[in-house]
Amino acid sequence: MRLGVIDVGSNTVHVLIVDAYRGAHPLPASSHKIALRLSEHVTDDGLIADAGRDALVTFVGECIELAEEKGAESLVGFATSAIRDAPNGDDVLAAVHAAHDIDLRVMAGDDEARHTFLAARRWFGWSSGTLLMIDIGGGSLELAIGMDEDPDVAISLQLGAGRITRDWLPGDPPSKDAIRAARKYVRAEIAAAARPLIKHTDANRVVGTSKTMRSLARICGAAPSREGPYVTRLLERERLTEEMGKIARMTVAERAGLPGVSAARAPQLLGGAIVAEAAMDLLGVDSLEICPWAMREGVILRVLDHLDT
């Protein structure tokens, strides 16, 4: 079947069209995304502003049109922390439904972690043994560990790269005091939640997912995307710490000139690095492997698992 998935994240809204069959590798047929940055359309009281709501409604309409043009038989949509955490998130979803008669499912934080973990497990396979996953989105950080397809522990924290940038890192570049305060806050939040993960059996394989992780790996020497998804890409904590010191002194424009860093992602690169380094350090991870699949693919796989044989 040809399946369309609309992914409403804190940074981007993305529609992916895939040819998908139960037991088969989902093959991308088409994709379209926009850097909507819903997290930047949040008012001081946490509400999504009208401009953000209207932009989302418009782009979801474009996603639906693309899915129809590409022959999608089914279309599912989900939203993550930007909608989940907003007091008027339900009103925003109602506006999308009123305009396009589509329901976007709000993904709970632990569900987000579980779907991403499923994608990582399917990508790397059973031979990976106990898998530890670290996923950094725009609004939240997801952590999960286990040896099955459903993790034994799944945690979601409000430590996304965009959120940390917005709340803790003003200035271009931010001051040393701001960076220190951000690091202190991030490390305290992870340390307070990490006990169930630390108590778990040591992981046989550690993986990182998301565009933020891929960008960090790239600036730390990993292969560029043009070499394809099957190239092993590692992110080493020692190298990340070195590079983080450099990007802390860069302006956003200078970060955008780094390999693998787009203009849209450059503003939150430092925030992502602070979260990644803290998670790796506090969980005792010296090196992790980048997984090309993340939550979007996990949603697709879960849909396929429930297809009739």
C-alpha atoms as a PDB file:
ATOM      1  CA  MET A   1       0.000   0.000   0.000  1.00  0.00           C
ATOM      2  CA  ARG A   2       1.055   3.605  -0.403  1.00  0.00           C
ATOM      3  CA  LEU A   3       0.932   5.348   2.972  1.00  0.00           C
ATOM      4  CA  GLY A   4       1.275   9.024   3.861  1.00  0.00           C
ATOM      5  CA  VAL A   5       2.459  10.231   7.272  1.00  0.00           C
ATOM      6  CA  ILE A   6       2.216  13.841   8.454  1.00  0.00           C
ATOM      7  CA  ASP A   7       4.660  14.601  11.258  1.00  0.00           C
ATOM      8  CA  VAL A   8       4.052  17.865  13.120  1.00  0.00           C
ATOM      9  CA  GLY A   9       7.201  18.522  15.122  1.00  0.00           C
ATOM     10  CA  SER A  10       8.458  21.507  17.065  1.00  0.00           C
ATOM     11  CA  ASN A  11      10.753  22.552  14.213  1.00  0.00           C
ATOM     12  CA  THR A  12       9.334  21.125  11.015  1.00  0.00           C
ATOM     13  CA  VAL A  13       6.133  19.745   9.578  1.00  0.00           C
ATOM     14  CA  HIS A  14       6.930  16.857   7.275  1.00  0.00           C
ATOM     15  CA  VAL A  15       4.832  14.614   5.071  1.00  0.00           C
ATOM     16  CA  LEU A  16       6.416  11.343   3.945  1.00  0.00           C
ATOM     17  CA  ILE A  17       4.850   9.097   1.314  1.00  0.00           C
ATOM     18  CA  VAL A  18       6.067   5.495   1.365  1.00  0.00           C
ATOM     19  CA  ASP A  19       5.327   2.244  -0.402  1.00  0.00           C
ATOM     20  CA  ALA A  20       4.791   0.013   2.585  1.00  0.00           C
ATOM     21  CA  TYR A  21       3.935  -3.645   2.967  1.00  0.00           C
ATOM     22  CA  ARG A  22       3.901  -5.806   6.041  1.00  0.00           C
ATOM     23  CA  GLY A  23       7.265  -7.492   6.474  1.00  0.00           C
ATOM     24  CA  ALA A  24       8.947  -5.275   3.871  1.00  0.00           C
ATOM     25  CA  HIS A  25      11.279  -2.295   4.095  1.00  0.00           C
ATOM     26  CA  PRO A  26       9.208   0.935   3.693  1.00  0.00           C
ATOM     27  CA  LEU A  27      10.383   2.600   0.489  1.00  0.00           C
ATOM     28  CA  PRO A  28      10.151   6.426   0.406  1.00  0.00           C
ATOM     29  CA  ALA A  29       8.240   7.641  -2.636  1.00  0.00           C
ATOM     30  CA  SER A  30       8.032  11.370  -1.900  1.00  0.00           C
ATOM     31  CA  SER A  31       8.474  13.855   0.921  1.00  0.00           C
ATOM     32  CA  HIS A  32       7.777  17.484   1.586  1.00  0.00           C
ATOM     33  CA  LYS A  33       8.569  19.588   4.651  1.00  0.00           C
ATOM     34  CA  ILE A  34       8.603  23.137   5.918  1.00  0.00           C
ATOM     35  CA  ALA A  35      10.532  24.712   8.784  1.00  0.00           C
ATOM     36  CA  LEU A  36       7.406  25.938  10.549  1.00  0.00           C
ATOM     37  CA  ARG A  37       9.092  26.182  13.991  1.00  0.00           C
ATOM     38  CA  LEU A  38       5.911  26.007  16.041  1.00  0.00           C
ATOM     39  CA  SER A  39       8.026  26.412  19.173  1.00  0.00           C
ATOM     40  CA  GLU A  40       8.843  29.962  18.041  1.00  0.00           C
ATOM     41  CA  HIS A  41       5.138  30.787  17.726  1.00  0.00           C
ATOM     42  CA  VAL A  42       4.573  30.323  21.456  1.00  0.00           C
ATOM     43  CA  THR A  43       3.422  33.270  23.560  1.00  0.00           C
ATOM     44  CA  ASP A  44       4.719  34.059  27.040  1.00  0.00           C
ATOM     45  CA  ASP A  45       1.882  32.035  28.580  1.00  0.00           C
ATOM     46  CA  GLY A  46       2.654  28.985  26.425  1.00  0.00           C
ATOM     47  CA  LEU A  47      -0.089  29.386  23.838  1.00  0.00           C
ATOM     48  CA  ILE A  48       0.492  28.758  20.139  1.00  0.00           C
ATOM     49  CA  ALA A  49      -0.093  32.108  18.458  1.00  0.00           C
ATOM     50  CA  ASP A  50      -2.650  32.556  15.683  1.00  0.00           C
ATOM     51  CA  ALA A  51       0.116  32.908  13.091  1.00  0.00           C
ATOM     52  CA  GLY A  52       1.512  29.494  14.014  1.00  0.00           C
ATOM     53  CA  ARG A  53      -1.930  27.895  13.976  1.00  0.00           C
ATOM     54  CA  ASP A  54      -2.792  29.382  10.582  1.00  0.00           C
ATOM     55  CA  ALA A  55       0.546  28.355   9.077  1.00  0.00           C
ATOM     56  CA  LEU A  56       0.006  24.794  10.311  1.00  0.00           C
ATOM     57  CA  VAL A  57      -3.492  24.659   8.824  1.00  0.00           C
ATOM     58  CA  THR A  58      -2.173  25.855   5.473  1.00  0.00           C
ATOM     59  CA  PHE A  59       0.710  23.402   5.340  1.00  0.00           C
ATOM     60  CA  VAL A  60      -1.380  20.413   6.402  1.00  0.00           C
ATOM     61  CA  GLY A  61      -3.581  21.223   3.413  1.00  0.00           C
ATOM     62  CA  GLU A  62      -0.494  21.094   1.181  1.00  0.00           C
ATOM     63  CA  CYS A  63       0.466  17.754   2.721  1.00  0.00           C
ATOM     64  CA  ILE A  64      -2.960  16.318   1.971  1.00  0.00           C
ATOM     65  CA  GLU A  65      -2.783  17.509  -1.631  1.00  0.00           C
ATOM     66  CA  LEU A  66       0.644  15.917  -2.080  1.00  0.00           C
ATOM     67  CA  ALA A  67      -0.576  12.623  -0.615  1.00  0.00           C
ATOM     68  CA  GLU A  68      -3.509  12.603  -3.037  1.00  0.00           C
ATOM     69  CA  GLU A  69      -1.290  13.445  -6.013  1.00  0.00           C
ATOM     70  CA  LYS A  70       1.118  10.650  -5.119  1.00  0.00           C
ATOM     71  CA  GLY A  71      -1.675   8.094  -4.806  1.00  0.00           C
ATOM     72  CA  ALA A  72      -1.591   7.508  -1.062  1.00  0.00           C
ATOM     73  CA  GLU A  73      -4.287   5.035  -0.011  1.00  0.00           C
ATOM     74  CA  SER A  74      -4.107   6.051   3.631  1.00  0.00           C
ATOM     75  CA  LEU A  75      -2.952   9.146   5.496  1.00  0.00           C
ATOM     76  CA  VAL A  76      -2.118   9.364   9.190  1.00  0.00           C
ATOM     77  CA  GLY A  77      -0.885  12.346  11.145  1.00  0.00           C
ATOM     78  CA  PHE A  78       0.605  12.980  14.541  1.00  0.00           C
ATOM     79  CA  ALA A  79       1.894  15.897  16.576  1.00  0.00           C
ATOM     80  CA  THR A  80       4.556  15.982  19.263  1.00  0.00           C
ATOM     81  CA  SER A  81       5.651  18.315  22.054  1.00  0.00           C
ATOM     82  CA  ALA A  82       4.870  21.681  20.436  1.00  0.00           C
ATOM     83  CA  ILE A  83       1.160  20.790  20.357  1.00  0.00           C
ATOM     84  CA  ARG A  84       1.251  18.478  23.373  1.00  0.00           C
ATOM     85  CA  ASP A  85       2.579  21.152  25.735  1.00  0.00           C
ATOM     86  CA  ALA A  86       0.486  24.082  24.533  1.00  0.00           C
ATOM     87  CA  PRO A  87      -2.629  24.931  26.610  1.00  0.00           C
ATOM     88  CA  ASN A  88      -4.492  25.641  23.363  1.00  0.00           C
ATOM     89  CA  GLY A  89      -3.164  22.584  21.544  1.00  0.00           C
ATOM     90  CA  ASP A  90      -6.650  21.089  21.266  1.00  0.00           C
ATOM     91  CA  ASP A  91      -7.917  24.307  19.671  1.00  0.00           C
ATOM     92  CA  VAL A  92      -5.104  24.206  17.120  1.00  0.00           C
ATOM     93  CA  LEU A  93      -5.937  20.592  16.250  1.00  0.00           C
ATOM     94  CA  ALA A  94      -9.621  21.490  15.993  1.00  0.00           C
ATOM     95  CA  ALA A  95      -8.752  24.214  13.476  1.00  0.00           C
ATOM     96  CA  VAL A  96      -6.825  21.662  11.383  1.00  0.00           C
ATOM     97  CA  HIS A  97      -9.748  19.243  11.538  1.00  0.00           C
ATOM     98  CA  ALA A  98     -12.289  21.934  10.610  1.00  0.00           C
ATOM     99  CA  ALA A  99     -10.260  22.945   7.572  1.00  0.00           C
ATOM    100  CA  HIS A 100      -9.255  19.515   6.276  1.00  0.00           C
ATOM    101  CA  ASP A 101     -11.278  16.835   8.078  1.00  0.00           C
ATOM    102  CA  ILE A 102      -8.155  15.123   9.361  1.00  0.00           C
ATOM    103  CA  ASP A 103      -7.335  14.225  12.950  1.00  0.00           C
ATOM    104  CA  LEU A 104      -3.755  14.659  14.065  1.00  0.00           C
ATOM    105  CA  ARG A 105      -2.951  12.332  16.950  1.00  0.00           C
ATOM    106  CA  VAL A 106      -1.090  13.967  19.816  1.00  0.00           C
ATOM    107  CA  MET A 107       1.770  11.645  20.715  1.00  0.00           C
ATOM    108  CA  ALA A 108       2.438  11.336  24.440  1.00  0.00           C
ATOM    109  CA  GLY A 109       6.073  11.686  25.409  1.00  0.00           C
ATOM    110  CA  ASP A 110       6.590   8.047  26.365  1.00  0.00           C
ATOM    111  CA  ASP A 111       4.795   6.937  23.187  1.00  0.00           C
ATOM    112  CA  GLU A 112       7.163   9.140  21.209  1.00  0.00           C
ATOM    113  CA  ALA A 113      10.080   7.343  22.864  1.00  0.00           C
ATOM    114  CA  ARG A 114       8.534   3.913  22.212  1.00  0.00           C
ATOM    115  CA  HIS A 115       7.875   4.554  18.512  1.00  0.00           C
ATOM    116  CA  THR A 116      11.400   5.882  18.013  1.00  0.00           C
ATOM    117  CA  PHE A 117      12.838   2.909  19.878  1.00  0.00           C
ATOM    118  CA  LEU A 118      10.868   0.547  17.627  1.00  0.00           C
ATOM    119  CA  ALA A 119      12.348   2.226  14.546  1.00  0.00           C
ATOM    120  CA  ALA A 120      15.878   1.907  15.943  1.00  0.00           C
ATOM    121  CA  ARG A 121      15.326  -1.729  16.871  1.00  0.00           C
ATOM    122  CA  ARG A 122      14.058  -2.610  13.393  1.00  0.00           C
ATOM    123  CA  TRP A 123      16.955  -0.742  11.771  1.00  0.00           C
ATOM    124  CA  PHE A 124      19.724  -2.371  13.792  1.00  0.00           C
ATOM    125  CA  GLY A 125      18.058  -5.735  14.446  1.00  0.00           C
ATOM    126  CA  TRP A 126      18.034  -8.278  17.224  1.00  0.00           C
ATOM    127  CA  SER A 127      21.798  -8.794  17.099  1.00  0.00           C
ATOM    128  CA  SER A 128      22.186  -5.429  18.835  1.00  0.00           C
ATOM    129  CA  GLY A 129      21.040  -6.964  22.123  1.00  0.00           C
ATOM    130  CA  THR A 130      20.041  -4.426  24.748  1.00  0.00           C
ATOM    131  CA  LEU A 131      19.567  -1.110  22.965  1.00  0.00           C
ATOM    132  CA  LEU A 132      19.857   2.355  24.518  1.00  0.00           C
ATOM    133  CA  MET A 133      18.299   5.148  22.458  1.00  0.00           C
ATOM    134  CA  ILE A 134      18.798   8.910  22.774  1.00  0.00           C
ATOM    135  CA  ASP A 135      16.527  11.099  20.642  1.00  0.00           C
ATOM    136  CA  ILE A 136      16.701  14.903  20.662  1.00  0.00           C
ATOM    137  CA  GLY A 137      13.786  16.729  19.081  1.00  0.00           C
ATOM    138  CA  GLY A 138      12.970  20.402  19.016  1.00  0.00           C
ATOM    139  CA  GLY A 139      10.786  20.309  22.113  1.00  0.00           C
ATOM    140  CA  SER A 140      11.733  17.168  24.002  1.00  0.00           C
ATOM    141  CA  LEU A 141      14.396  14.585  24.730  1.00  0.00           C
ATOM    142  CA  GLU A 142      13.401  10.925  24.569  1.00  0.00           C
ATOM    143  CA  LEU A 143      15.381   8.135  26.231  1.00  0.00           C
ATOM    144  CA  ALA A 144      14.616   4.420  26.072  1.00  0.00           C
ATOM    145  CA  ILE A 145      16.319   1.113  26.773  1.00  0.00           C
ATOM    146  CA  GLY A 146      15.435  -2.546  26.327  1.00  0.00           C
ATOM    147  CA  MET A 147      16.141  -5.759  24.472  1.00  0.00           C
ATOM    148  CA  ASP A 148      12.732  -6.168  22.816  1.00  0.00           C
ATOM    149  CA  GLU A 149      10.808  -4.052  20.297  1.00  0.00           C
ATOM    150  CA  ASP A 150       9.007  -2.305  23.139  1.00  0.00           C
ATOM    151  CA  PRO A 151      11.514  -0.772  25.578  1.00  0.00           C
ATOM    152  CA  ASP A 152      11.624  -1.650  29.247  1.00  0.00           C
ATOM    153  CA  VAL A 153      12.074   2.023  30.120  1.00  0.00           C
ATOM    154  CA  ALA A 154      10.829   4.992  28.070  1.00  0.00           C
ATOM    155  CA  ILE A 155      11.297   8.568  29.287  1.00  0.00           C
ATOM    156  CA  SER A 156      10.441  11.957  27.784  1.00  0.00           C
ATOM    157  CA  LEU A 157      11.884  15.203  29.149  1.00  0.00           C
ATOM    158  CA  GLN A 158      11.239  18.797  28.092  1.00  0.00           C
ATOM    159  CA  LEU A 159      14.818  19.219  26.934  1.00  0.00           C
ATOM    160  CA  GLY A 160      14.499  19.634  23.183  1.00  0.00           C
ATOM    161  CA  ALA A 161      17.159  21.610  21.328  1.00  0.00           C
ATOM    162  CA  GLY A 162      14.728  24.351  20.356  1.00  0.00           C
ATOM    163  CA  ARG A 163      13.228  24.623  23.832  1.00  0.00           C
ATOM    164  CA  ILE A 164      16.631  24.944  25.516  1.00  0.00           C
ATOM    165  CA  THR A 165      17.688  27.549  22.961  1.00  0.00           C
ATOM    166  CA  ARG A 166      14.533  29.602  23.456  1.00  0.00           C
ATOM    167  CA  ASP A 167      14.429  29.404  27.257  1.00  0.00           C
ATOM    168  CA  TRP A 168      18.115  29.428  28.206  1.00  0.00           C
ATOM    169  CA  LEU A 169      20.366  30.683  25.423  1.00  0.00           C
ATOM    170  CA  PRO A 170      19.557  34.288  24.454  1.00  0.00           C
ATOM    171  CA  GLY A 171      22.109  36.259  22.474  1.00  0.00           C
ATOM    172  CA  ASP A 172      24.103  35.561  19.355  1.00  0.00           C
ATOM    173  CA  PRO A 173      26.287  34.023  20.574  1.00  0.00           C
ATOM    174  CA  PRO A 174      24.929  33.490  24.104  1.00  0.00           C
ATOM    175  CA  SER A 175      27.026  34.542  27.086  1.00  0.00           C
ATOM    176  CA  LYS A 176      29.215  32.167  29.071  1.00  0.00           C
ATOM    177  CA  ASP A 177      26.894  32.609  32.059  1.00  0.00           C
ATOM    178  CA  ALA A 178      23.851  31.652  29.964  1.00  0.00           C
ATOM    179  CA  ILE A 179      25.595  28.566  28.620  1.00  0.00           C
ATOM    180  CA  ARG A 180      26.664  27.543  32.109  1.00  0.00           C
ATOM    181  CA  ALA A 181      23.115  27.982  33.421  1.00  0.00           C
ATOM    182  CA  ALA A 182      21.713  25.939  30.529  1.00  0.00           C
ATOM    183  CA  ARG A 183      24.195  23.107  31.120  1.00  0.00           C
ATOM    184  CA  LYS A 184      23.427  23.089  34.845  1.00  0.00           C
ATOM    185  CA  TYR A 185      19.680  22.925  34.214  1.00  0.00           C
ATOM    186  CA  VAL A 186      19.889  20.211  31.545  1.00  0.00           C
ATOM    187  CA  ARG A 187      22.169  18.022  33.632  1.00  0.00           C
ATOM    188  CA  ALA A 188      19.982  18.359  36.715  1.00  0.00           C
ATOM    189  CA  GLU A 189      16.852  17.386  34.755  1.00  0.00           C
ATOM    190  CA  ILE A 190      18.485  14.332  33.169  1.00  0.00           C
ATOM    191  CA  ALA A 191      20.116  13.215  36.417  1.00  0.00           C
ATOM    192  CA  ALA A 192      16.782  13.384  38.226  1.00  0.00           C
ATOM    193  CA  ALA A 193      15.126  11.103  35.653  1.00  0.00           C
ATOM    194  CA  ALA A 194      17.972   8.782  34.683  1.00  0.00           C
ATOM    195  CA  ARG A 195      17.866   6.265  37.555  1.00  0.00           C
ATOM    196  CA  PRO A 196      15.590   3.723  35.761  1.00  0.00           C
ATOM    197  CA  LEU A 197      17.972   3.775  32.799  1.00  0.00           C
ATOM    198  CA  ILE A 198      21.135   3.572  34.864  1.00  0.00           C
ATOM    199  CA  LYS A 199      19.722   0.644  36.880  1.00  0.00           C
ATOM    200  CA  HIS A 200      19.102  -1.284  33.669  1.00  0.00           C
ATOM    201  CA  THR A 201      21.564  -3.816  32.330  1.00  0.00           C
ATOM    202  CA  ASP A 202      24.389  -2.165  30.413  1.00  0.00           C
ATOM    203  CA  ALA A 203      23.433  -1.547  26.810  1.00  0.00           C
ATOM    204  CA  ASN A 204      25.089  -3.577  24.073  1.00  0.00           C
ATOM    205  CA  ARG A 205      24.499  -0.782  21.587  1.00  0.00           C
ATOM    206  CA  VAL A 206      23.760   2.934  21.986  1.00  0.00           C
ATOM    207  CA  VAL A 207      22.056   4.851  19.194  1.00  0.00           C
ATOM    208  CA  GLY A 208      21.108   8.444  18.579  1.00  0.00           C
ATOM    209  CA  THR A 209      18.302   9.631  16.327  1.00  0.00           C
ATOM    210  CA  SER A 210      16.960  12.895  14.936  1.00  0.00           C
ATOM    211  CA  LYS A 211      18.281  15.648  12.729  1.00  0.00           C
ATOM    212  CA  THR A 212      20.010  17.293  15.683  1.00  0.00           C
ATOM    213  CA  MET A 213      22.034  14.149  16.383  1.00  0.00           C
ATOM    214  CA  ARG A 214      22.900  13.764  12.698  1.00  0.00           C
ATOM    215  CA  SER A 215      24.104  17.369  12.515  1.00  0.00           C
ATOM    216  CA  LEU A 216      26.239  16.947  15.627  1.00  0.00           C
ATOM    217  CA  ALA A 217      27.758  13.750  14.277  1.00  0.00           C
ATOM    218  CA  ARG A 218      28.520  15.474  10.980  1.00  0.00           C
ATOM    219  CA  ILE A 219      30.390  18.385  12.549  1.00  0.00           C
ATOM    220  CA  CYS A 220      32.297  15.814  14.602  1.00  0.00           C
ATOM    221  CA  GLY A 221      33.528  14.073  11.453  1.00  0.00           C
ATOM    222  CA  ALA A 222      30.794  11.624  10.426  1.00  0.00           C
ATOM    223  CA  ALA A 223      30.151  10.915   6.746  1.00  0.00           C
ATOM    224  CA  PRO A 224      27.891  13.340   4.826  1.00  0.00           C
ATOM    225  CA  SER A 225      24.331  12.357   3.919  1.00  0.00           C
ATOM    226  CA  ARG A 226      25.241  11.930   0.250  1.00  0.00           C
ATOM    227  CA  GLU A 227      27.075   8.717   1.151  1.00  0.00           C
ATOM    228  CA  GLY A 228      23.735   7.093   1.936  1.00  0.00           C
ATOM    229  CA  PRO A 229      21.972   5.685   5.005  1.00  0.00           C
ATOM    230  CA  TYR A 230      24.009   2.491   5.346  1.00  0.00           C
ATOM    231  CA  VAL A 231      27.313   4.150   6.236  1.00  0.00           C
ATOM    232  CA  THR A 232      28.201   3.822   9.917  1.00  0.00           C
ATOM    233  CA  ARG A 233      28.115   7.235  11.577  1.00  0.00           C
ATOM    234  CA  LEU A 234      29.395   7.679  15.128  1.00  0.00           C
ATOM    235  CA  LEU A 235      29.142  10.509  17.609  1.00  0.00           C
ATOM    236  CA  GLU A 236      31.915  10.431  20.217  1.00  0.00           C
ATOM    237  CA  ARG A 237      31.421  12.337  23.455  1.00  0.00           C
ATOM    238  CA  GLU A 238      35.013  13.538  23.744  1.00  0.00           C
ATOM    239  CA  ARG A 239      34.909  15.039  20.246  1.00  0.00           C
ATOM    240  CA  LEU A 240      31.450  16.494  20.899  1.00  0.00           C
ATOM    241  CA  THR A 241      32.756  18.291  23.989  1.00  0.00           C
ATOM    242  CA  GLU A 242      35.565  19.806  21.927  1.00  0.00           C
ATOM    243  CA  GLU A 243      33.237  20.968  19.150  1.00  0.00           C
ATOM    244  CA  MET A 244      30.688  22.317  21.625  1.00  0.00           C
ATOM    245  CA  GLY A 245      33.305  24.692  22.989  1.00  0.00           C
ATOM    246  CA  LYS A 246      33.856  25.998  19.466  1.00  0.00           C
ATOM    247  CA  ILE A 247      30.205  26.427  18.459  1.00  0.00           C
ATOM    248  CA  ALA A 248      29.507  28.178  21.767  1.00  0.00           C
ATOM    249  CA  ARG A 249      31.611  31.059  20.466  1.00  0.00           C
ATOM    250  CA  MET A 250      30.004  31.112  17.016  1.00  0.00           C
ATOM    251  CA  THR A 251      27.142  33.253  15.793  1.00  0.00           C
ATOM    252  CA  VAL A 252      24.143  31.551  14.187  1.00  0.00           C
ATOM    253  CA  ALA A 253      25.403  32.608  10.757  1.00  0.00           C
ATOM    254  CA  GLU A 254      28.780  31.017  11.455  1.00  0.00           C
ATOM    255  CA  ARG A 255      27.173  27.771  12.641  1.00  0.00           C
ATOM    256  CA  ALA A 256      25.168  27.616   9.414  1.00  0.00           C
ATOM    257  CA  GLY A 257      28.472  27.342   7.566  1.00  0.00           C
ATOM    258  CA  LEU A 258      29.418  24.123   9.338  1.00  0.00           C
ATOM    259  CA  PRO A 259      29.127  20.841   7.413  1.00  0.00           C
ATOM    260  CA  GLY A 260      25.706  19.244   7.741  1.00  0.00           C
ATOM    261  CA  VAL A 261      24.126  22.242   9.498  1.00  0.00           C
ATOM    262  CA  SER A 262      21.260  23.983   7.719  1.00  0.00           C
ATOM    263  CA  ALA A 263      20.295  27.598   8.292  1.00  0.00           C
ATOM    264  CA  ALA A 264      17.068  26.385   9.880  1.00  0.00           C
ATOM    265  CA  ARG A 265      18.897  24.175  12.408  1.00  0.00           C
ATOM    266  CA  ALA A 266      21.823  26.470  13.146  1.00  0.00           C
ATOM    267  CA  PRO A 267      20.087  28.508  15.901  1.00  0.00           C
ATOM    268  CA  GLN A 268      19.514  25.446  18.074  1.00  0.00           C
ATOM    269  CA  LEU A 269      22.749  23.570  17.370  1.00  0.00           C
ATOM    270  CA  LEU A 270      24.355  24.644  20.647  1.00  0.00           C
ATOM    271  CA  GLY A 271      21.247  23.732  22.635  1.00  0.00           C
ATOM    272  CA  GLY A 272      21.238  20.301  21.018  1.00  0.00           C
ATOM    273  CA  ALA A 273      24.939  19.835  21.771  1.00  0.00           C
ATOM    274  CA  ILE A 274      24.401  20.703  25.440  1.00  0.00           C
ATOM    275  CA  VAL A 275      21.617  18.123  25.722  1.00  0.00           C
ATOM    276  CA  ALA A 276      23.491  15.420  23.780  1.00  0.00           C
ATOM    277  CA  GLU A 277      26.696  15.819  25.780  1.00  0.00           C
ATOM    278  CA  ALA A 278      24.834  15.797  29.080  1.00  0.00           C
ATOM    279  CA  ALA A 279      22.801  12.694  28.197  1.00  0.00           C
ATOM    280  CA  MET A 280      25.864  10.795  27.008  1.00  0.00           C
ATOM    281  CA  ASP A 281      27.919  11.786  30.035  1.00  0.00           C
ATOM    282  CA  LEU A 282      25.279  11.042  32.678  1.00  0.00           C
ATOM    283  CA  LEU A 283      24.368   7.720  31.054  1.00  0.00           C
ATOM    284  CA  GLY A 284      28.008   6.693  30.740  1.00  0.00           C
ATOM    285  CA  VAL A 285      28.065   6.726  26.931  1.00  0.00           C
ATOM    286  CA  ASP A 286      31.423   7.356  25.255  1.00  0.00           C
ATOM    287  CA  SER A 287      30.171   6.811  21.686  1.00  0.00           C
ATOM    288  CA  LEU A 288      26.855   6.229  19.952  1.00  0.00           C
ATOM    289  CA  GLU A 289      25.778   5.273  16.435  1.00  0.00           C
ATOM    290  CA  ILE A 290      23.415   7.422  14.409  1.00  0.00           C
ATOM    291  CA  CYS A 291      20.188   5.711  13.339  1.00  0.00           C
ATOM    292  CA  PRO A 292      18.648   6.982  10.065  1.00  0.00           C
ATOM    293  CA  TRP A 293      15.164   6.045  11.270  1.00  0.00           C
ATOM    294  CA  ALA A 294      13.260   7.842  14.021  1.00  0.00           C
ATOM    295  CA  MET A 295       9.701   8.324  15.239  1.00  0.00           C
ATOM    296  CA  ARG A 296       8.153   8.878  11.803  1.00  0.00           C
ATOM    297  CA  GLU A 297       9.406   5.490  10.650  1.00  0.00           C
ATOM    298  CA  GLY A 298       8.278   3.978  13.941  1.00  0.00           C
ATOM    299  CA  VAL A 299       4.731   5.163  13.251  1.00  0.00           C
ATOM    300  CA  ILE A 300       4.866   3.633   9.765  1.00  0.00           C
ATOM    301  CA  LEU A 301       6.137   0.327  11.131  1.00  0.00           C
ATOM    302  CA  ARG A 302       3.403   0.228  13.762  1.00  0.00           C
ATOM    303  CA  VAL A 303       0.741   0.851  11.120  1.00  0.00           C
ATOM    304  CA  LEU A 304       2.163  -1.967   9.004  1.00  0.00           C
ATOM    305  CA  ASP A 305       2.185  -4.330  11.982  1.00  0.00           C
ATOM    306  CA  HIS A 306      -1.583  -3.951  12.204  1.00  0.00           C
ATOM    307  CA  LEU A 307      -2.326  -4.554   8.534  1.00  0.00           C
ATOM    308  CA  ASP A 308      -4.277  -7.684   7.683  1.00  0.00           C
ATOM    309  CA  THR A 309      -2.085 -10.421   6.284  1.00  0.00           C
END
